[in-house]
Amino acid sequence: MEKEVKVVTFSLPYLCKNVMTYKAKILVIDDEIDILDLLEMLLTTEGYEVFQASNGVDGLLYADIHQPDLILLDLMMPGMDGYAVISSLKDKPSVANIPVIMLTAMAQAKEKIKGLTAGAEDYITKPFDTEELILRIESVLNRTLPVKYMNPLISAMGNSYSEDAVEQLASHLQAAAAIQRGLEPKTTPQIPGFDIAGYLHSSMSISGDFYDFIQLNDHCFGLVIADVRGKGIPAALLMAMIRTALRLVSREEATRHTSPAANVLKRVNDLIATDTAPDLFATIVYGILDVHPTIDKNVQQPPTFRYANAGHCYPLHVADEQVRTLTVGGLLLGSFEFANFDEELIELKAGHILLFYTDGIVEAEGPDGQPYGEERLQQVLLQSRYLSADGICQRISSSLDQFIRTGKIDRLNADSPPESFPQLKDDLAMVVVKVGENQTFDLETN
């Protein structure tokens, strides 16, 4: 019976971003140190990233450096007052669109009008009520953040921008996502004696991570996992190019007997490096699972895995209740035309497990900013070695979800992956190959 591949995707987050799921940056400009410290403590507790400036000159500098999503600005400051700061902000294109909330001890209507006329979004009178301040900040950010993230799209569309054009672009993105989903493996290889599973979770509607399974001959199967630089449409286009090239080249190289895995990456690299810009590249592991090696026709050989690595996360190999990394590496795919790759051959025995994964897993952060890391991944993999390949994927994804939410992985009894992660910064993918206890060493043609 065919096993379905786990695939989870997100809709476009930047078109419907909510301030409560995005750590907005706020710059506070005030000459009173106590006010600066109070606001930093208050806003940090609310989940914002806070920067301080104690005068107008530093405030303008920090606004340009940090590009905050909002500025809280004291109007009455020695030297350069708040009105002058607003005027300078509006005169500089790089910071002109940053919204400003005035902090003022003056309650006169004319002062408020003067500040709003100068370009401020809102005002708060000192001494301020903290609940009111937070509500005002949220109100301004809910208005301005969507505009901030849509502006680059509008600018790119130029004269063609219109509501109809945006709607058409959205339909094109949905079509691109549907096409990409069509390229994803619908089933995993059905090889007697082996248990194989794959998992993909995208941070956007279209992904730069991918994995693939390629039938090479009657006893060899190609395995691919890759991470294309960036996200969105550019990454998806490069992903489709690499996937197509890999399928064509790997089947041709399978007929040769010298370094088939390394040669595949070399040839695909030459194609990508020639036809793409230098900043478009991918990391990738390509390997060949041979379930019936023919080194000696008179002796049944154990299955082997021959792989090459182009700058990707090192795969993990579980053997004899130990986890080791497969450390053969190489240059990024597509960055250098002169790149060459090494390969390694390993024997697979009963109970062995191979785990391939993208950096979205080990670089995912908990609430305190600490990464999930390879050590935790190895720990979960080792503790899950008695599960099926699909169960291992589920256990890893569940532990990752728990870590992102709580910073811990102390409950490892989840039997299914989460339906939705907290908003991810990067795509993540993994493939698990588990060798059974009773291999037949024959490959069923898919």
Foldseek 3Di string as FASTA:
>chain_A
DFDFAAEAEDAACLQPPAPLQDQFEEEEEALDVVVQVVVCVLVVVSRHHYHYHNHLVVSLVVCLVVVGQEYEAEQDDPPQGPLNSLLVQCVDVSRNLRAYEYEYQDPDPVVQVSVVVSPHPYYAHPPGDSVVVVVVVSVVSRVRSSVVSCVVVQVVCPPVDDPVVVVVVSVVQVVLLVVLVVVADGGDFDAFQKFKHKHWYFLYSWALWGWDWADQDFFKIKIKTKGKPDTDDVSSVVSVLLVVLLRVQLNVLSVDDPQSAQVSLLVSLLVLLVPDDLVTFMWMKMKMWGLFDVPDVVDTAAIKIKMKTAPFDFKWKADPLDIDTPPFYWHIRRNDNPTTIDMDMDGDAALMKIKDKGVLLQQQAAPVNDGCHPVVLRVLCSVCSVPGQQQSVQQSQQQSLVCNHHVDNPDRPDRGHDSDHSNGPHMMMMMMMHGHNDHPSTGDDD
